Amino acid sequence: MGKSKDVSLQLRIAQETADKLQECADALSLSRTEVIEQGIDLIHKQVVEKQ
């Protein structure tokens, strides 16, 4: 079983960013939330490696 998703986050993004997010989600057969989570994981990994 995956991690519980008990945090709700609302954000405002540009239409261009929303379009890119949807394009990625469609291409990868993921939800927009999953794409965002994977993006955060990638950036976090880069941050940790620089420390």
PDB file of N, CA and C in Angstrom:
ATOM      1  N   MET A   1       0.840  -1.184   0.000  1.00  0.00           N
ATOM      2  CA  MET A   1       0.000   0.000   0.000  1.00  0.00           C
ATOM      3  C   MET A   1       0.880   1.241   0.000  1.00  0.00           C
ATOM      4  N   GLY A   2       0.515   2.268  -0.809  1.00  0.00           N
ATOM      5  CA  GLY A   2       1.299   3.491  -0.926  1.00  0.00           C
ATOM      6  C   GLY A   2       1.137   4.394   0.281  1.00  0.00           C
ATOM      7  N   LYS A   3       1.870   5.466   0.247  1.00  0.00           N
ATOM      8  CA  LYS A   3       1.802   6.434   1.333  1.00  0.00           C
ATOM      9  C   LYS A   3       0.451   7.115   1.332  1.00  0.00           C
ATOM     10  N   SER A   4      -0.041   7.427   2.531  1.00  0.00           N
ATOM     11  CA  SER A   4      -1.307   8.131   2.677  1.00  0.00           C
ATOM     12  C   SER A   4      -1.161   9.547   2.143  1.00  0.00           C
ATOM     13  N   LYS A   5      -2.143   9.987   1.391  1.00  0.00           N
ATOM     14  CA  LYS A   5      -2.130  11.345   0.836  1.00  0.00           C
ATOM     15  C   LYS A   5      -3.108  12.176   1.644  1.00  0.00           C
ATOM     16  N   ASP A   6      -2.603  12.707   2.752  1.00  0.00           N
ATOM     17  CA  ASP A   6      -3.470  13.440   3.661  1.00  0.00           C
ATOM     18  C   ASP A   6      -3.214  14.943   3.648  1.00  0.00           C
ATOM     19  N   VAL A   7      -2.364  15.417   2.740  1.00  0.00           N
ATOM     20  CA  VAL A   7      -2.106  16.849   2.616  1.00  0.00           C
ATOM     21  C   VAL A   7      -2.708  17.337   1.310  1.00  0.00           C
ATOM     22  N   SER A   8      -3.520  18.368   1.414  1.00  0.00           N
ATOM     23  CA  SER A   8      -4.116  18.983   0.238  1.00  0.00           C
ATOM     24  C   SER A   8      -3.366  20.273  -0.056  1.00  0.00           C
ATOM     25  N   LEU A   9      -3.008  20.475  -1.310  1.00  0.00           N
ATOM     26  CA  LEU A   9      -2.244  21.643  -1.700  1.00  0.00           C
ATOM     27  C   LEU A   9      -2.935  22.298  -2.892  1.00  0.00           C
ATOM     28  N   GLN A  10      -3.203  23.567  -2.769  1.00  0.00           N
ATOM     29  CA  GLN A  10      -3.801  24.305  -3.876  1.00  0.00           C
ATOM     30  C   GLN A  10      -2.769  25.293  -4.376  1.00  0.00           C
ATOM     31  N   LEU A  11      -2.582  25.366  -5.700  1.00  0.00           N
ATOM     32  CA  LEU A  11      -1.609  26.288  -6.234  1.00  0.00           C
ATOM     33  C   LEU A  11      -2.107  26.894  -7.534  1.00  0.00           C
ATOM     34  N   ARG A  12      -1.532  28.038  -7.857  1.00  0.00           N
ATOM     35  CA  ARG A  12      -1.873  28.713  -9.103  1.00  0.00           C
ATOM     36  C   ARG A  12      -0.650  28.627 -10.012  1.00  0.00           C
ATOM     37  N   ILE A  13      -0.884  28.181 -11.231  1.00  0.00           N
ATOM     38  CA  ILE A  13       0.200  28.078 -12.207  1.00  0.00           C
ATOM     39  C   ILE A  13      -0.270  28.689 -13.524  1.00  0.00           C
ATOM     40  N   ALA A  14       0.682  29.058 -14.356  1.00  0.00           N
ATOM     41  CA  ALA A  14       0.368  29.611 -15.670  1.00  0.00           C
ATOM     42  C   ALA A  14      -0.260  28.533 -16.549  1.00  0.00           C
ATOM     43  N   GLN A  15      -1.063  28.950 -17.502  1.00  0.00           N
ATOM     44  CA  GLN A  15      -1.703  27.997 -18.412  1.00  0.00           C
ATOM     45  C   GLN A  15      -0.656  27.163 -19.143  1.00  0.00           C
ATOM     46  N   GLU A  16       0.449  27.778 -19.534  1.00  0.00           N
ATOM     47  CA  GLU A  16       1.511  27.053 -20.229  1.00  0.00           C
ATOM     48  C   GLU A  16       2.054  25.919 -19.352  1.00  0.00           C
ATOM     49  N   THR A  17       2.234  26.179 -18.074  1.00  0.00           N
ATOM     50  CA  THR A  17       2.715  25.156 -17.148  1.00  0.00           C
ATOM     51  C   THR A  17       1.680  24.057 -16.981  1.00  0.00           C
ATOM     52  N   ALA A  18       0.411  24.442 -16.887  1.00  0.00           N
ATOM     53  CA  ALA A  18      -0.665  23.459 -16.766  1.00  0.00           C
ATOM     54  C   ALA A  18      -0.722  22.566 -18.005  1.00  0.00           C
ATOM     55  N   ASP A  19      -0.506  23.161 -19.170  1.00  0.00           N
ATOM     56  CA  ASP A  19      -0.504  22.383 -20.412  1.00  0.00           C
ATOM     57  C   ASP A  19       0.654  21.385 -20.432  1.00  0.00           C
ATOM     58  N   LYS A  20       1.827  21.832 -19.974  1.00  0.00           N
ATOM     59  CA  LYS A  20       2.989  20.936 -19.912  1.00  0.00           C
ATOM     60  C   LYS A  20       2.733  19.793 -18.943  1.00  0.00           C
ATOM     61  N   LEU A  21       2.130  20.119 -17.806  1.00  0.00           N
ATOM     62  CA  LEU A  21       1.815  19.105 -16.799  1.00  0.00           C
ATOM     63  C   LEU A  21       0.877  18.061 -17.376  1.00  0.00           C
ATOM     64  N   GLN A  22      -0.166  18.511 -18.069  1.00  0.00           N
ATOM     65  CA  GLN A  22      -1.127  17.578 -18.656  1.00  0.00           C
ATOM     66  C   GLN A  22      -0.488  16.740 -19.751  1.00  0.00           C
ATOM     67  N   GLU A  23       0.368  17.359 -20.555  1.00  0.00           N
ATOM     68  CA  GLU A  23       1.064  16.637 -21.617  1.00  0.00           C
ATOM     69  C   GLU A  23       1.926  15.516 -21.028  1.00  0.00           C
ATOM     70  N   CYS A  24       2.630  15.821 -19.958  1.00  0.00           N
ATOM     71  CA  CYS A  24       3.451  14.804 -19.290  1.00  0.00           C
ATOM     72  C   CYS A  24       2.586  13.691 -18.713  1.00  0.00           C
ATOM     73  N   ALA A  25       1.503  14.078 -18.066  1.00  0.00           N
ATOM     74  CA  ALA A  25       0.602  13.079 -17.469  1.00  0.00           C
ATOM     75  C   ALA A  25       0.046  12.149 -18.543  1.00  0.00           C
ATOM     76  N   ASP A  26      -0.382  12.721 -19.655  1.00  0.00           N
ATOM     77  CA  ASP A  26      -0.931  11.904 -20.740  1.00  0.00           C
ATOM     78  C   ASP A  26       0.128  10.980 -21.329  1.00  0.00           C
ATOM     79  N   ALA A  27       1.319  11.515 -21.572  1.00  0.00           N
ATOM     80  CA  ALA A  27       2.386  10.730 -22.202  1.00  0.00           C
ATOM     81  C   ALA A  27       2.845   9.579 -21.311  1.00  0.00           C
ATOM     82  N   LEU A  28       2.806   9.793 -19.990  1.00  0.00           N
ATOM     83  CA  LEU A  28       3.293   8.791 -19.051  1.00  0.00           C
ATOM     84  C   LEU A  28       2.184   7.938 -18.431  1.00  0.00           C
ATOM     85  N   SER A  29       0.941   8.224 -18.817  1.00  0.00           N
ATOM     86  CA  SER A  29      -0.226   7.535 -18.240  1.00  0.00           C
ATOM     87  C   SER A  29      -0.214   7.639 -16.714  1.00  0.00           C
ATOM     88  N   LEU A  30       0.040   8.848 -16.227  1.00  0.00           N
ATOM     89  CA  LEU A  30       0.046   9.134 -14.799  1.00  0.00           C
ATOM     90  C   LEU A  30      -0.959  10.239 -14.522  1.00  0.00           C
ATOM     91  N   SER A  31      -1.296  10.389 -13.254  1.00  0.00           N
ATOM     92  CA  SER A  31      -2.122  11.530 -12.867  1.00  0.00           C
ATOM     93  C   SER A  31      -1.233  12.767 -12.785  1.00  0.00           C
ATOM     94  N   ARG A  32      -1.838  13.917 -12.815  1.00  0.00           N
ATOM     95  CA  ARG A  32      -1.062  15.151 -12.661  1.00  0.00           C
ATOM     96  C   ARG A  32      -0.350  15.160 -11.312  1.00  0.00           C
ATOM     97  N   THR A  33      -1.023  14.650 -10.289  1.00  0.00           N
ATOM     98  CA  THR A  33      -0.403  14.567  -8.964  1.00  0.00           C
ATOM     99  C   THR A  33       0.849  13.702  -9.007  1.00  0.00           C
ATOM    100  N   GLU A  34       0.775  12.569  -9.682  1.00  0.00           N
ATOM    101  CA  GLU A  34       1.939  11.674  -9.766  1.00  0.00           C
ATOM    102  C   GLU A  34       3.089  12.345 -10.510  1.00  0.00           C
ATOM    103  N   VAL A  35       2.777  13.108 -11.561  1.00  0.00           N
ATOM    104  CA  VAL A  35       3.822  13.819 -12.296  1.00  0.00           C
ATOM    105  C   VAL A  35       4.492  14.850 -11.386  1.00  0.00           C
ATOM    106  N   ILE A  36       3.694  15.595 -10.641  1.00  0.00           N
ATOM    107  CA  ILE A  36       4.233  16.591  -9.718  1.00  0.00           C
ATOM    108  C   ILE A  36       5.103  15.914  -8.663  1.00  0.00           C
ATOM    109  N   GLU A  37       4.627  14.813  -8.106  1.00  0.00           N
ATOM    110  CA  GLU A  37       5.394  14.098  -7.088  1.00  0.00           C
ATOM    111  C   GLU A  37       6.731  13.607  -7.648  1.00  0.00           C
ATOM    112  N   GLN A  38       6.708  13.074  -8.861  1.00  0.00           N
ATOM    113  CA  GLN A  38       7.949  12.592  -9.467  1.00  0.00           C
ATOM    114  C   GLN A  38       8.899  13.751  -9.738  1.00  0.00           C
ATOM    115  N   GLY A  39       8.358  14.895 -10.153  1.00  0.00           N
ATOM    116  CA  GLY A  39       9.188  16.077 -10.371  1.00  0.00           C
ATOM    117  C   GLY A  39       9.840  16.544  -9.084  1.00  0.00           C
ATOM    118  N   ILE A  40       9.086  16.557  -8.008  1.00  0.00           N
ATOM    119  CA  ILE A  40       9.639  16.940  -6.704  1.00  0.00           C
ATOM    120  C   ILE A  40      10.719  15.959  -6.286  1.00  0.00           C
ATOM    121  N   ASP A  41      10.482  14.669  -6.503  1.00  0.00           N
ATOM    122  CA  ASP A  41      11.498  13.663  -6.166  1.00  0.00           C
ATOM    123  C   ASP A  41      12.801  13.899  -6.940  1.00  0.00           C
ATOM    124  N   LEU A  42      12.688  14.252  -8.228  1.00  0.00           N
ATOM    125  CA  LEU A  42      13.882  14.514  -9.038  1.00  0.00           C
ATOM    126  C   LEU A  42      14.661  15.719  -8.517  1.00  0.00           C
ATOM    127  N   ILE A  43      13.965  16.797  -8.231  1.00  0.00           N
ATOM    128  CA  ILE A  43      14.620  18.014  -7.733  1.00  0.00           C
ATOM    129  C   ILE A  43      15.218  17.756  -6.349  1.00  0.00           C
ATOM    130  N   HIS A  44      14.472  17.044  -5.506  1.00  0.00           N
ATOM    131  CA  HIS A  44      14.966  16.737  -4.163  1.00  0.00           C
ATOM    132  C   HIS A  44      16.249  15.927  -4.235  1.00  0.00           C
ATOM    133  N   LYS A  45      16.291  14.964  -5.121  1.00  0.00           N
ATOM    134  CA  LYS A  45      17.491  14.141  -5.288  1.00  0.00           C
ATOM    135  C   LYS A  45      18.681  15.025  -5.662  1.00  0.00           C
ATOM    136  N   GLN A  46      18.479  15.975  -6.560  1.00  0.00           N
ATOM    137  CA  GLN A  46      19.557  16.891  -6.970  1.00  0.00           C
ATOM    138  C   GLN A  46      20.020  17.740  -5.783  1.00  0.00           C
ATOM    139  N   VAL A  47      19.089  18.214  -4.983  1.00  0.00           N
ATOM    140  CA  VAL A  47      19.420  19.036  -3.818  1.00  0.00           C
ATOM    141  C   VAL A  47      20.240  18.231  -2.820  1.00  0.00           C
ATOM    142  N   VAL A  48      19.806  17.023  -2.539  1.00  0.00           N
ATOM    143  CA  VAL A  48      20.498  16.166  -1.569  1.00  0.00           C
ATOM    144  C   VAL A  48      21.903  15.822  -2.058  1.00  0.00           C
ATOM    145  N   GLU A  49      22.045  15.565  -3.359  1.00  0.00           N
ATOM    146  CA  GLU A  49      23.363  15.217  -3.902  1.00  0.00           C
ATOM    147  C   GLU A  49      24.337  16.379  -3.821  1.00  0.00           C
ATOM    148  N   LYS A  50      23.844  17.605  -3.832  1.00  0.00           N
ATOM    149  CA  LYS A  50      24.710  18.788  -3.763  1.00  0.00           C
ATOM    150  C   LYS A  50      25.165  19.078  -2.342  1.00  0.00           C
ATOM    151  N   GLN A  51      24.502  18.487  -1.357  1.00  0.00           N
ATOM    152  CA  GLN A  51      24.852  18.756   0.041  1.00  0.00           C
ATOM    153  C   GLN A  51      26.041  17.967   0.497  1.00  0.00           C
TER     154      GLN A  51
END
